[in-house]
Amino acid sequence: MKTQTILGSLAAGLFIAFQSFAAPVNINEADAVTLAESLNGVGPVISEQIVSHREQNGSFSSPEELMNVNGIGQVTFENNKDDILVED
């Protein structure tokens, strides 16, 4: 039982650490899968909305414009702002 608790804690810690070190992603070029993998709190549905928004409205000119996408609020933006690029 103690081993399971330790292993569970280690797995949870690694998962949190992995999510905290997302690589920067260009929101004007990345596909939905890459966006979901790179942005914390963004899953497949919201990443598809990002791509759809970009296709309908053109490229994002600033990272803050990502909040114009339904499902991306202030908290999600703040959690990812250091990893959001609009150009390489």
Protein backbone atom coordinates (compact mmCIF):
# COMPACT_ATOMS: atom_id res chain seq x y z
CA MET A 1 0.00 0.00 0.00
CA LYS A 2 2.79 2.39 0.89
CA THR A 3 4.54 1.67 -2.42
CA GLN A 4 1.34 2.46 -4.34
CA THR A 5 0.98 5.77 -2.53
CA ILE A 6 4.58 6.72 -3.27
CA LEU A 7 4.29 5.70 -6.92
CA GLY A 8 1.00 7.57 -7.24
CA SER A 9 2.54 10.70 -5.77
CA LEU A 10 5.54 10.41 -8.07
CA ALA A 11 3.31 9.99 -11.13
CA ALA A 12 1.18 12.98 -10.16
CA GLY A 13 4.29 15.09 -9.60
CA LEU A 14 5.73 14.15 -12.96
CA PHE A 15 2.42 14.92 -14.68
CA ILE A 16 2.27 18.38 -13.08
CA ALA A 17 5.92 19.05 -13.88
CA PHE A 18 5.42 17.98 -17.49
CA GLN A 19 2.46 20.31 -17.92
CA SER A 20 4.34 23.19 -16.34
CA PHE A 21 7.12 23.03 -18.92
CA ALA A 22 5.17 23.31 -22.14
CA ALA A 23 7.18 24.45 -25.10
CA PRO A 24 6.28 27.74 -26.76
CA VAL A 25 3.76 27.30 -29.57
CA ASN A 26 2.95 29.55 -32.52
CA ILE A 27 -0.85 29.83 -32.40
CA ASN A 28 -0.89 31.01 -36.02
CA GLU A 29 0.79 27.88 -37.36
CA ALA A 30 0.13 25.00 -34.97
CA ASP A 31 -2.50 22.41 -35.71
CA ALA A 32 -5.15 21.45 -33.17
CA VAL A 33 -3.21 18.46 -31.83
CA THR A 34 -0.10 20.57 -31.21
CA LEU A 35 -2.13 23.30 -29.51
CA ALA A 36 -3.81 20.78 -27.20
CA GLU A 37 -0.44 19.24 -26.31
CA SER A 38 1.31 22.59 -25.80
CA LEU A 39 -1.21 24.71 -23.91
CA ASN A 40 -2.23 23.93 -20.34
CA GLY A 41 -5.98 23.62 -19.88
CA VAL A 42 -6.62 23.40 -23.63
CA GLY A 43 -7.98 20.11 -24.89
CA PRO A 44 -9.04 18.89 -28.32
CA VAL A 45 -12.33 20.82 -28.45
CA ILE A 46 -10.85 24.21 -27.59
CA SER A 47 -7.79 23.65 -29.76
CA GLU A 48 -10.13 22.99 -32.72
CA GLN A 49 -11.91 26.26 -31.85
CA ILE A 50 -8.56 28.08 -31.96
CA VAL A 51 -7.84 26.71 -35.44
CA SER A 52 -11.38 27.50 -36.61
CA HIS A 53 -11.17 31.05 -35.24
CA ARG A 54 -7.84 31.55 -37.03
CA GLU A 55 -9.26 30.24 -40.32
CA GLN A 56 -12.33 32.49 -40.09
CA ASN A 57 -10.65 35.65 -38.79
CA GLY A 58 -7.06 35.46 -39.95
CA SER A 59 -3.88 35.27 -37.93
CA PHE A 60 -3.67 36.40 -34.33
CA SER A 61 -1.66 39.61 -34.10
CA SER A 62 -1.04 39.35 -30.35
CA PRO A 63 -1.17 36.54 -27.80
CA GLU A 64 -3.99 38.33 -25.97
CA GLU A 65 -6.26 37.87 -29.00
CA LEU A 66 -6.43 34.21 -28.08
CA MET A 67 -9.00 35.25 -25.46
CA ASN A 68 -11.38 36.03 -28.35
CA VAL A 69 -11.76 32.27 -28.81
CA ASN A 70 -14.74 30.79 -27.00
CA GLY A 71 -13.38 28.72 -24.11
CA ILE A 72 -10.17 30.72 -23.59
CA GLY A 73 -10.58 33.00 -20.63
CA GLN A 74 -8.25 35.15 -18.57
CA VAL A 75 -7.09 32.27 -16.36
CA THR A 76 -6.24 29.96 -19.27
CA PHE A 77 -4.46 32.80 -21.03
CA GLU A 78 -2.47 33.75 -17.91
CA ASN A 79 -1.46 30.12 -17.38
CA ASN A 80 -0.07 29.96 -20.92
CA LYS A 81 0.96 33.50 -21.87
CA ASP A 82 4.69 32.79 -21.68
CA ASP A 83 4.28 29.91 -24.15
CA ILE A 84 2.09 31.67 -26.75
CA LEU A 85 3.80 32.95 -29.88
CA VAL A 86 2.22 34.72 -32.86
CA GLU A 87 5.38 34.59 -34.99
CA ASP A 88 8.59 32.58 -34.92
